[in-house]
Structure formats: structure tokens, C-alpha cells
Amino acid sequence: MFHNLQSLLSGSIKRVGINQQVEESLVMEKYKEIIDGILAPEEADKVKTMYARNKSLVVASLSDGITEKLQKEEGKIISKINEKLGSDALNKIKYIT
């Protein structure tokens, strides 16, 4: 008898109660992947995800210009993350400069 590994892991994560932390970590990871496609490498190095909580992501940026660029793309970024992780994994991005 064979079981799908993903369904076994998903069930185990829910039973242990770390589902929310796993989702928040995945949001941070996907955000980084997406901005790496938007920004030049030297710009992406100036942006760091700090934490994700309650469907919000906090991001630190060393440049106001980069922050403005990312804010213009915020809707697309949120849509891509939600498309990959689930319909409401992320609702808001807050930037700290």
C-alpha cells in the first residue's frame, strides 16, 4: 500500500500544529524568488524578508527607490504568491526602509 508523500507530510504538519509557521516560511521564500525576477541582482541584495504573520509580510529595504519599485508591483507579487501557495496565503506587504 502506497501513500502520497505530500499528503502524508501535510497531514503530519497539521497534526503537530505548525501549519501556520510552515506557510509563513513559504511566503517568505516565494517572495524572495519573485523579487529576484523583478529586481537586478544588486538591488535584490538590498531587500530582506523579516517575518510573516497573520497573512502579512514585513520586508526591510536599504533603498527608497527599490521600495517604490516593489510597491508598484505589490499586487502582482501578492497574486503570484497566493497562486502558488493558496488563495489567501498573503494579503499585505509592509516595507521598512
PDB file of N, CA and C in Angstrom:
ATOM      1  N   MET A   1       0.847  -1.177   0.000  1.00  0.00           N
ATOM      2  CA  MET A   1       0.000   0.000   0.000  1.00  0.00           C
ATOM      3  C   MET A   1       0.893   1.241   0.000  1.00  0.00           C
ATOM      4  N   PHE A   2       0.674   2.101  -0.971  1.00  0.00           N
ATOM      5  CA  PHE A   2       1.477   3.304  -1.117  1.00  0.00           C
ATOM      6  C   PHE A   2       0.637   4.539  -0.814  1.00  0.00           C
ATOM      7  N   HIS A   3       1.284   5.547  -0.198  1.00  0.00           N
ATOM      8  CA  HIS A   3       0.622   6.811   0.119  1.00  0.00           C
ATOM      9  C   HIS A   3       1.395   7.956  -0.524  1.00  0.00           C
ATOM     10  N   ASN A   4       0.671   8.965  -0.915  1.00  0.00           N
ATOM     11  CA  ASN A   4       1.286  10.158  -1.476  1.00  0.00           C
ATOM     12  C   ASN A   4       2.065  10.872  -0.371  1.00  0.00           C
ATOM     13  N   LEU A   5       3.361  11.089  -0.602  1.00  0.00           N
ATOM     14  CA  LEU A   5       4.225  11.705   0.410  1.00  0.00           C
ATOM     15  C   LEU A   5       3.735  13.096   0.804  1.00  0.00           C
ATOM     16  N   GLN A   6       3.300  13.877  -0.179  1.00  0.00           N
ATOM     17  CA  GLN A   6       2.838  15.234   0.122  1.00  0.00           C
ATOM     18  C   GLN A   6       1.625  15.212   1.050  1.00  0.00           C
ATOM     19  N   SER A   7       0.690  14.323   0.818  1.00  0.00           N
ATOM     20  CA  SER A   7      -0.489  14.263   1.687  1.00  0.00           C
ATOM     21  C   SER A   7      -0.116  13.781   3.086  1.00  0.00           C
ATOM     22  N   LEU A   8       0.848  12.868   3.189  1.00  0.00           N
ATOM     23  CA  LEU A   8       1.298  12.417   4.499  1.00  0.00           C
ATOM     24  C   LEU A   8       1.968  13.554   5.269  1.00  0.00           C
ATOM     25  N   LEU A   9       2.841  14.318   4.590  1.00  0.00           N
ATOM     26  CA  LEU A   9       3.504  15.437   5.242  1.00  0.00           C
ATOM     27  C   LEU A   9       2.507  16.513   5.636  1.00  0.00           C
ATOM     28  N   SER A  10       1.589  16.805   4.746  1.00  0.00           N
ATOM     29  CA  SER A  10       0.585  17.826   5.032  1.00  0.00           C
ATOM     30  C   SER A  10      -0.234  17.451   6.266  1.00  0.00           C
ATOM     31  N   GLY A  11      -0.655  16.207   6.330  1.00  0.00           N
ATOM     32  CA  GLY A  11      -1.420  15.741   7.484  1.00  0.00           C
ATOM     33  C   GLY A  11      -0.608  15.794   8.762  1.00  0.00           C
ATOM     34  N   SER A  12       0.644  15.413   8.691  1.00  0.00           N
ATOM     35  CA  SER A  12       1.514  15.446   9.868  1.00  0.00           C
ATOM     36  C   SER A  12       1.740  16.867  10.355  1.00  0.00           C
ATOM     37  N   ILE A  13       1.949  17.783   9.429  1.00  0.00           N
ATOM     38  CA  ILE A  13       2.167  19.188   9.788  1.00  0.00           C
ATOM     39  C   ILE A  13       0.938  19.743  10.496  1.00  0.00           C
ATOM     40  N   LYS A  14      -0.235  19.422   9.994  1.00  0.00           N
ATOM     41  CA  LYS A  14      -1.473  19.910  10.625  1.00  0.00           C
ATOM     42  C   LYS A  14      -1.640  19.313  12.018  1.00  0.00           C
ATOM     43  N   ARG A  15      -1.334  18.021  12.166  1.00  0.00           N
ATOM     44  CA  ARG A  15      -1.480  17.379  13.473  1.00  0.00           C
ATOM     45  C   ARG A  15      -0.526  17.983  14.497  1.00  0.00           C
ATOM     46  N   VAL A  16       0.668  18.308  14.090  1.00  0.00           N
ATOM     47  CA  VAL A  16       1.658  18.860  15.009  1.00  0.00           C
ATOM     48  C   VAL A  16       1.332  20.317  15.338  1.00  0.00           C
ATOM     49  N   GLY A  17       0.592  20.988  14.468  1.00  0.00           N
ATOM     50  CA  GLY A  17       0.195  22.371  14.736  1.00  0.00           C
ATOM     51  C   GLY A  17       1.171  23.409  14.228  1.00  0.00           C
ATOM     52  N   ILE A  18       1.998  23.058  13.272  1.00  0.00           N
ATOM     53  CA  ILE A  18       2.967  24.026  12.748  1.00  0.00           C
ATOM     54  C   ILE A  18       2.601  24.478  11.338  1.00  0.00           C
ATOM     55  N   ASN A  19       1.376  24.221  10.925  1.00  0.00           N
ATOM     56  CA  ASN A  19       0.938  24.571   9.582  1.00  0.00           C
ATOM     57  C   ASN A  19       1.124  26.060   9.298  1.00  0.00           C
ATOM     58  N   GLN A  20       0.754  26.906  10.225  1.00  0.00           N
ATOM     59  CA  GLN A  20       0.858  28.347  10.020  1.00  0.00           C
ATOM     60  C   GLN A  20       2.323  28.778   9.865  1.00  0.00           C
ATOM     61  N   GLN A  21       3.212  28.250  10.681  1.00  0.00           N
ATOM     62  CA  GLN A  21       4.626  28.619  10.574  1.00  0.00           C
ATOM     63  C   GLN A  21       5.226  28.155   9.253  1.00  0.00           C
ATOM     64  N   VAL A  22       4.820  26.985   8.795  1.00  0.00           N
ATOM     65  CA  VAL A  22       5.315  26.478   7.517  1.00  0.00           C
ATOM     66  C   VAL A  22       4.832  27.385   6.387  1.00  0.00           C
ATOM     67  N   GLU A  23       3.552  27.747   6.420  1.00  0.00           N
ATOM     68  CA  GLU A  23       3.011  28.633   5.386  1.00  0.00           C
ATOM     69  C   GLU A  23       3.716  29.993   5.395  1.00  0.00           C
ATOM     70  N   GLU A  24       3.980  30.537   6.573  1.00  0.00           N
ATOM     71  CA  GLU A  24       4.660  31.827   6.669  1.00  0.00           C
ATOM     72  C   GLU A  24       6.078  31.739   6.112  1.00  0.00           C
ATOM     73  N   SER A  25       6.765  30.656   6.366  1.00  0.00           N
ATOM     74  CA  SER A  25       8.106  30.461   5.810  1.00  0.00           C
ATOM     75  C   SER A  25       8.057  30.345   4.292  1.00  0.00           C
ATOM     76  N   LEU A  26       7.051  29.656   3.786  1.00  0.00           N
ATOM     77  CA  LEU A  26       6.901  29.520   2.341  1.00  0.00           C
ATOM     78  C   LEU A  26       6.589  30.860   1.685  1.00  0.00           C
ATOM     79  N   VAL A  27       5.800  31.701   2.348  1.00  0.00           N
ATOM     80  CA  VAL A  27       5.508  33.041   1.826  1.00  0.00           C
ATOM     81  C   VAL A  27       6.807  33.818   1.673  1.00  0.00           C
ATOM     82  N   MET A  28       7.656  33.772   2.687  1.00  0.00           N
ATOM     83  CA  MET A  28       8.932  34.488   2.639  1.00  0.00           C
ATOM     84  C   MET A  28       9.817  33.962   1.502  1.00  0.00           C
ATOM     85  N   GLU A  29       9.849  32.658   1.356  1.00  0.00           N
ATOM     86  CA  GLU A  29      10.663  32.037   0.307  1.00  0.00           C
ATOM     87  C   GLU A  29      10.158  32.423  -1.085  1.00  0.00           C
ATOM     88  N   LYS A  30       8.853  32.350  -1.295  1.00  0.00           N
ATOM     89  CA  LYS A  30       8.272  32.694  -2.602  1.00  0.00           C
ATOM     90  C   LYS A  30       8.458  34.169  -2.913  1.00  0.00           C
ATOM     91  N   TYR A  31       8.356  35.033  -1.915  1.00  0.00           N
ATOM     92  CA  TYR A  31       8.567  36.464  -2.126  1.00  0.00           C
ATOM     93  C   TYR A  31       9.973  36.691  -2.673  1.00  0.00           C
ATOM     94  N   LYS A  32      10.948  36.068  -2.056  1.00  0.00           N
ATOM     95  CA  LYS A  32      12.341  36.221  -2.489  1.00  0.00           C
ATOM     96  C   LYS A  32      12.512  35.744  -3.929  1.00  0.00           C
ATOM     97  N   GLU A  33      11.925  34.614  -4.279  1.00  0.00           N
ATOM     98  CA  GLU A  33      12.006  34.097  -5.645  1.00  0.00           C
ATOM     99  C   GLU A  33      11.407  35.088  -6.642  1.00  0.00           C
ATOM    100  N   ILE A  34      10.280  35.666  -6.291  1.00  0.00           N
ATOM    101  CA  ILE A  34       9.583  36.585  -7.194  1.00  0.00           C
ATOM    102  C   ILE A  34      10.371  37.873  -7.381  1.00  0.00           C
ATOM    103  N   ILE A  35      10.877  38.457  -6.288  1.00  0.00           N
ATOM    104  CA  ILE A  35      11.602  39.727  -6.449  1.00  0.00           C
ATOM    105  C   ILE A  35      12.937  39.527  -7.154  1.00  0.00           C
ATOM    106  N   ASP A  36      13.496  38.335  -7.063  1.00  0.00           N
ATOM    107  CA  ASP A  36      14.720  38.052  -7.807  1.00  0.00           C
ATOM    108  C   ASP A  36      14.471  38.145  -9.312  1.00  0.00           C
ATOM    109  N   GLY A  37      13.220  37.936  -9.733  1.00  0.00           N
ATOM    110  CA  GLY A  37      12.854  38.072 -11.133  1.00  0.00           C
ATOM    111  C   GLY A  37      12.492  39.497 -11.521  1.00  0.00           C
ATOM    112  N   ILE A  38      12.206  40.337 -10.531  1.00  0.00           N
ATOM    113  CA  ILE A  38      11.806  41.722 -10.785  1.00  0.00           C
ATOM    114  C   ILE A  38      13.010  42.660 -10.718  1.00  0.00           C
ATOM    115  N   LEU A  39      13.857  42.446  -9.740  1.00  0.00           N
ATOM    116  CA  LEU A  39      14.976  43.350  -9.478  1.00  0.00           C
ATOM    117  C   LEU A  39      16.283  42.827 -10.056  1.00  0.00           C
ATOM    118  N   ALA A  40      17.185  43.746 -10.314  1.00  0.00           N
ATOM    119  CA  ALA A  40      18.547  43.367 -10.685  1.00  0.00           C
ATOM    120  C   ALA A  40      19.206  42.734  -9.457  1.00  0.00           C
ATOM    121  N   PRO A  41      20.191  41.859  -9.660  1.00  0.00           N
ATOM    122  CA  PRO A  41      20.830  41.195  -8.510  1.00  0.00           C
ATOM    123  C   PRO A  41      21.358  42.151  -7.448  1.00  0.00           C
ATOM    124  N   GLU A  42      21.953  43.261  -7.856  1.00  0.00           N
ATOM    125  CA  GLU A  42      22.475  44.212  -6.869  1.00  0.00           C
ATOM    126  C   GLU A  42      21.355  44.911  -6.099  1.00  0.00           C
ATOM    127  N   GLU A  43      20.160  45.019  -6.705  1.00  0.00           N
ATOM    128  CA  GLU A  43      19.010  45.592  -5.998  1.00  0.00           C
ATOM    129  C   GLU A  43      18.404  44.563  -5.048  1.00  0.00           C
ATOM    130  N   ALA A  44      18.269  43.334  -5.511  1.00  0.00           N
ATOM    131  CA  ALA A  44      17.682  42.267  -4.691  1.00  0.00           C
ATOM    132  C   ALA A  44      18.491  42.026  -3.423  1.00  0.00           C
ATOM    133  N   ASP A  45      19.798  42.261  -3.492  1.00  0.00           N
ATOM    134  CA  ASP A  45      20.657  42.097  -2.318  1.00  0.00           C
ATOM    135  C   ASP A  45      20.362  43.124  -1.234  1.00  0.00           C
ATOM    136  N   LYS A  46      19.656  44.189  -1.571  1.00  0.00           N
ATOM    137  CA  LYS A  46      19.326  45.247  -0.616  1.00  0.00           C
ATOM    138  C   LYS A  46      17.946  45.073   0.004  1.00  0.00           C
ATOM    139  N   VAL A  47      17.319  43.939  -0.259  1.00  0.00           N
ATOM    140  CA  VAL A  47      15.978  43.649   0.249  1.00  0.00           C
ATOM    141  C   VAL A  47      16.021  42.350   1.034  1.00  0.00           C
ATOM    142  N   LYS A  48      15.396  42.354   2.219  1.00  0.00           N
ATOM    143  CA  LYS A  48      15.387  41.147   3.053  1.00  0.00           C
ATOM    144  C   LYS A  48      14.014  40.972   3.700  1.00  0.00           C
ATOM    145  N   THR A  49      13.480  39.762   3.595  1.00  0.00           N
ATOM    146  CA  THR A  49      12.235  39.465   4.294  1.00  0.00           C
ATOM    147  C   THR A  49      12.555  39.328   5.777  1.00  0.00           C
ATOM    148  N   MET A  50      11.749  39.977   6.605  1.00  0.00           N
ATOM    149  CA  MET A  50      11.977  39.942   8.050  1.00  0.00           C
ATOM    150  C   MET A  50      11.125  38.856   8.711  1.00  0.00           C
ATOM    151  N   TYR A  51       9.822  38.935   8.495  1.00  0.00           N
ATOM    152  CA  TYR A  51       8.926  37.915   9.044  1.00  0.00           C
ATOM    153  C   TYR A  51       7.567  38.001   8.370  1.00  0.00           C
ATOM    154  N   ALA A  52       6.795  36.938   8.512  1.00  0.00           N
ATOM    155  CA  ALA A  52       5.426  36.879   8.011  1.00  0.00           C
ATOM    156  C   ALA A  52       4.543  36.436   9.163  1.00  0.00           C
ATOM    157  N   ARG A  53       3.449  37.173   9.353  1.00  0.00           N
ATOM    158  CA  ARG A  53       2.472  36.826  10.396  1.00  0.00           C
ATOM    159  C   ARG A  53       1.088  37.290   9.967  1.00  0.00           C
ATOM    160  N   ASN A  54       0.102  36.477  10.268  1.00  0.00           N
ATOM    161  CA  ASN A  54      -1.294  36.840  10.022  1.00  0.00           C
ATOM    162  C   ASN A  54      -1.527  37.341   8.601  1.00  0.00           C
ATOM    163  N   LYS A  55      -0.962  36.630   7.637  1.00  0.00           N
ATOM    164  CA  LYS A  55      -1.133  36.922   6.210  1.00  0.00           C
ATOM    165  C   LYS A  55      -0.520  38.239   5.779  1.00  0.00           C
ATOM    166  N   SER A  56       0.424  38.760   6.583  1.00  0.00           N
ATOM    167  CA  SER A  56       1.174  39.970   6.252  1.00  0.00           C
ATOM    168  C   SER A  56       2.664  39.632   6.240  1.00  0.00           C
ATOM    169  N   LEU A  57       3.383  40.273   5.324  1.00  0.00           N
ATOM    170  CA  LEU A  57       4.814  40.066   5.191  1.00  0.00           C
ATOM    171  C   LEU A  57       5.520  41.389   5.461  1.00  0.00           C
ATOM    172  N   VAL A  58       6.549  41.363   6.293  1.00  0.00           N
ATOM    173  CA  VAL A  58       7.344  42.557   6.582  1.00  0.00           C
ATOM    174  C   VAL A  58       8.697  42.392   5.892  1.00  0.00           C
ATOM    175  N   VAL A  59       9.051  43.412   5.105  1.00  0.00           N
ATOM    176  CA  VAL A  59      10.254  43.383   4.291  1.00  0.00           C
ATOM    177  C   VAL A  59      11.089  44.618   4.594  1.00  0.00           C
ATOM    178  N   ALA A  60      12.397  44.443   4.790  1.00  0.00           N
ATOM    179  CA  ALA A  60      13.317  45.563   5.001  1.00  0.00           C
ATOM    180  C   ALA A  60      14.017  45.866   3.678  1.00  0.00           C
ATOM    181  N   SER A  61      14.170  47.160   3.408  1.00  0.00           N
ATOM    182  CA  SER A  61      14.838  47.591   2.189  1.00  0.00           C
ATOM    183  C   SER A  61      15.822  48.701   2.525  1.00  0.00           C
ATOM    184  N   LEU A  62      16.996  48.649   1.911  1.00  0.00           N
ATOM    185  CA  LEU A  62      18.014  49.666   2.135  1.00  0.00           C
ATOM    186  C   LEU A  62      17.882  50.847   1.176  1.00  0.00           C
ATOM    187  N   SER A  63      16.872  50.810   0.299  1.00  0.00           N
ATOM    188  CA  SER A  63      16.734  51.855  -0.713  1.00  0.00           C
ATOM    189  C   SER A  63      15.269  52.248  -0.893  1.00  0.00           C
ATOM    190  N   ASP A  64      14.994  53.547  -0.798  1.00  0.00           N
ATOM    191  CA  ASP A  64      13.638  54.040  -1.042  1.00  0.00           C
ATOM    192  C   ASP A  64      13.212  53.765  -2.481  1.00  0.00           C
ATOM    193  N   GLY A  65      14.146  53.881  -3.420  1.00  0.00           N
ATOM    194  CA  GLY A  65      13.839  53.632  -4.826  1.00  0.00           C
ATOM    195  C   GLY A  65      13.413  52.193  -5.072  1.00  0.00           C
ATOM    196  N   ILE A  66      14.099  51.272  -4.452  1.00  0.00           N
ATOM    197  CA  ILE A  66      13.747  49.858  -4.591  1.00  0.00           C
ATOM    198  C   ILE A  66      12.389  49.598  -3.933  1.00  0.00           C
ATOM    199  N   THR A  67      12.157  50.205  -2.792  1.00  0.00           N
ATOM    200  CA  THR A  67      10.869  50.036  -2.110  1.00  0.00           C
ATOM    201  C   THR A  67       9.731  50.518  -3.007  1.00  0.00           C
ATOM    202  N   GLU A  68       9.901  51.685  -3.627  1.00  0.00           N
ATOM    203  CA  GLU A  68       8.870  52.222  -4.523  1.00  0.00           C
ATOM    204  C   GLU A  68       8.629  51.270  -5.693  1.00  0.00           C
ATOM    205  N   LYS A  69       9.696  50.743  -6.245  1.00  0.00           N
ATOM    206  CA  LYS A  69       9.583  49.796  -7.365  1.00  0.00           C
ATOM    207  C   LYS A  69       8.775  48.565  -6.948  1.00  0.00           C
ATOM    208  N   LEU A  70       9.068  48.047  -5.764  1.00  0.00           N
ATOM    209  CA  LEU A  70       8.361  46.859  -5.274  1.00  0.00           C
ATOM    210  C   LEU A  70       6.909  47.172  -4.918  1.00  0.00           C
ATOM    211  N   GLN A  71       6.654  48.353  -4.380  1.00  0.00           N
ATOM    212  CA  GLN A  71       5.282  48.736  -4.046  1.00  0.00           C
ATOM    213  C   GLN A  71       4.417  48.828  -5.294  1.00  0.00           C
ATOM    214  N   LYS A  72       4.992  49.260  -6.404  1.00  0.00           N
ATOM    215  CA  LYS A  72       4.248  49.316  -7.664  1.00  0.00           C
ATOM    216  C   LYS A  72       3.865  47.921  -8.149  1.00  0.00           C
ATOM    217  N   GLU A  73       4.669  46.943  -7.803  1.00  0.00           N
ATOM    218  CA  GLU A  73       4.436  45.551  -8.214  1.00  0.00           C
ATOM    219  C   GLU A  73       3.729  44.731  -7.131  1.00  0.00           C
ATOM    220  N   GLU A  74       3.336  45.365  -6.041  1.00  0.00           N
ATOM    221  CA  GLU A  74       2.809  44.641  -4.884  1.00  0.00           C
ATOM    222  C   GLU A  74       1.615  43.751  -5.224  1.00  0.00           C
ATOM    223  N   GLY A  75       0.683  44.262  -5.994  1.00  0.00           N
ATOM    224  CA  GLY A  75      -0.489  43.463  -6.366  1.00  0.00           C
ATOM    225  C   GLY A  75      -0.106  42.200  -7.106  1.00  0.00           C
ATOM    226  N   LYS A  76       0.822  42.332  -8.055  1.00  0.00           N
ATOM    227  CA  LYS A  76       1.291  41.170  -8.818  1.00  0.00           C
ATOM    228  C   LYS A  76       2.018  40.182  -7.916  1.00  0.00           C
ATOM    229  N   ILE A  77       2.855  40.710  -7.025  1.00  0.00           N
ATOM    230  CA  ILE A  77       3.622  39.847  -6.124  1.00  0.00           C
ATOM    231  C   ILE A  77       2.678  39.034  -5.237  1.00  0.00           C
ATOM    232  N   ILE A  78       1.702  39.713  -4.634  1.00  0.00           N
ATOM    233  CA  ILE A  78       0.732  39.023  -3.764  1.00  0.00           C
ATOM    234  C   ILE A  78      -0.041  37.978  -4.559  1.00  0.00           C
ATOM    235  N   SER A  79      -0.475  38.330  -5.768  1.00  0.00           N
ATOM    236  CA  SER A  79      -1.222  37.382  -6.604  1.00  0.00           C
ATOM    237  C   SER A  79      -0.398  36.146  -6.925  1.00  0.00           C
ATOM    238  N   LYS A  80       0.875  36.346  -7.274  1.00  0.00           N
ATOM    239  CA  LYS A  80       1.742  35.201  -7.599  1.00  0.00           C
ATOM    240  C   LYS A  80       1.950  34.303  -6.390  1.00  0.00           C
ATOM    241  N   ILE A  81       2.162  34.896  -5.223  1.00  0.00           N
ATOM    242  CA  ILE A  81       2.350  34.098  -4.009  1.00  0.00           C
ATOM    243  C   ILE A  81       1.088  33.312  -3.694  1.00  0.00           C
ATOM    244  N   ASN A  82      -0.058  33.981  -3.759  1.00  0.00           N
ATOM    245  CA  ASN A  82      -1.320  33.299  -3.467  1.00  0.00           C
ATOM    246  C   ASN A  82      -1.629  32.218  -4.493  1.00  0.00           C
ATOM    247  N   GLU A  83      -1.236  32.439  -5.730  1.00  0.00           N
ATOM    248  CA  GLU A  83      -1.437  31.436  -6.775  1.00  0.00           C
ATOM    249  C   GLU A  83      -0.622  30.179  -6.479  1.00  0.00           C
ATOM    250  N   LYS A  84       0.586  30.370  -5.991  1.00  0.00           N
ATOM    251  CA  LYS A  84       1.468  29.234  -5.723  1.00  0.00           C
ATOM    252  C   LYS A  84       1.170  28.535  -4.402  1.00  0.00           C
ATOM    253  N   LEU A  85       0.731  29.299  -3.383  1.00  0.00           N
ATOM    254  CA  LEU A  85       0.579  28.725  -2.046  1.00  0.00           C
ATOM    255  C   LEU A  85      -0.863  28.537  -1.593  1.00  0.00           C
ATOM    256  N   GLY A  86      -1.774  29.205  -2.218  1.00  0.00           N
ATOM    257  CA  GLY A  86      -3.161  29.132  -1.788  1.00  0.00           C
ATOM    258  C   GLY A  86      -3.785  30.504  -1.892  1.00  0.00           C
ATOM    259  N   SER A  87      -5.071  30.548  -2.034  1.00  0.00           N
ATOM    260  CA  SER A  87      -5.761  31.787  -2.385  1.00  0.00           C
ATOM    261  C   SER A  87      -5.586  32.927  -1.395  1.00  0.00           C
ATOM    262  N   ASP A  88      -5.338  32.642  -0.144  1.00  0.00           N
ATOM    263  CA  ASP A  88      -5.218  33.741   0.826  1.00  0.00           C
ATOM    264  C   ASP A  88      -4.000  33.595   1.745  1.00  0.00           C
ATOM    265  N   ALA A  89      -2.903  33.159   1.183  1.00  0.00           N
ATOM    266  CA  ALA A  89      -1.682  32.997   1.983  1.00  0.00           C
ATOM    267  C   ALA A  89      -1.115  34.355   2.389  1.00  0.00           C
ATOM    268  N   LEU A  90      -1.305  35.382   1.538  1.00  0.00           N
ATOM    269  CA  LEU A  90      -0.746  36.708   1.804  1.00  0.00           C
ATOM    270  C   LEU A  90      -1.745  37.776   1.376  1.00  0.00           C
ATOM    271  N   ASN A  91      -1.957  38.766   2.253  1.00  0.00           N
ATOM    272  CA  ASN A  91      -2.866  39.871   1.953  1.00  0.00           C
ATOM    273  C   ASN A  91      -2.166  41.216   1.860  1.00  0.00           C
ATOM    274  N   LYS A  92      -1.017  41.354   2.533  1.00  0.00           N
ATOM    275  CA  LYS A  92      -0.401  42.668   2.675  1.00  0.00           C
ATOM    276  C   LYS A  92       1.117  42.548   2.805  1.00  0.00           C
ATOM    277  N   ILE A  93       1.823  43.528   2.224  1.00  0.00           N
ATOM    278  CA  ILE A  93       3.280  43.601   2.373  1.00  0.00           C
ATOM    279  C   ILE A  93       3.603  44.964   2.980  1.00  0.00           C
ATOM    280  N   LYS A  94       4.372  44.960   4.043  1.00  0.00           N
ATOM    281  CA  LYS A  94       4.796  46.202   4.699  1.00  0.00           C
ATOM    282  C   LYS A  94       6.304  46.344   4.512  1.00  0.00           C
ATOM    283  N   TYR A  95       6.711  47.523   4.068  1.00  0.00           N
ATOM    284  CA  TYR A  95       8.134  47.775   3.835  1.00  0.00           C
ATOM    285  C   TYR A  95       8.714  48.665   4.915  1.00  0.00           C
ATOM    286  N   ILE A  96       9.879  48.297   5.398  1.00  0.00           N
ATOM    287  CA  ILE A  96      10.632  49.095   6.369  1.00  0.00           C
ATOM    288  C   ILE A  96      11.871  49.578   5.644  1.00  0.00           C
ATOM    289  N   THR A  97      12.079  50.901   5.622  1.00  0.00           N
ATOM    290  CA  THR A  97      13.268  51.443   4.955  1.00  0.00           C
ATOM    291  C   THR A  97      14.152  52.159   5.943  1.00  0.00           C
TER     292      THR A  97
END
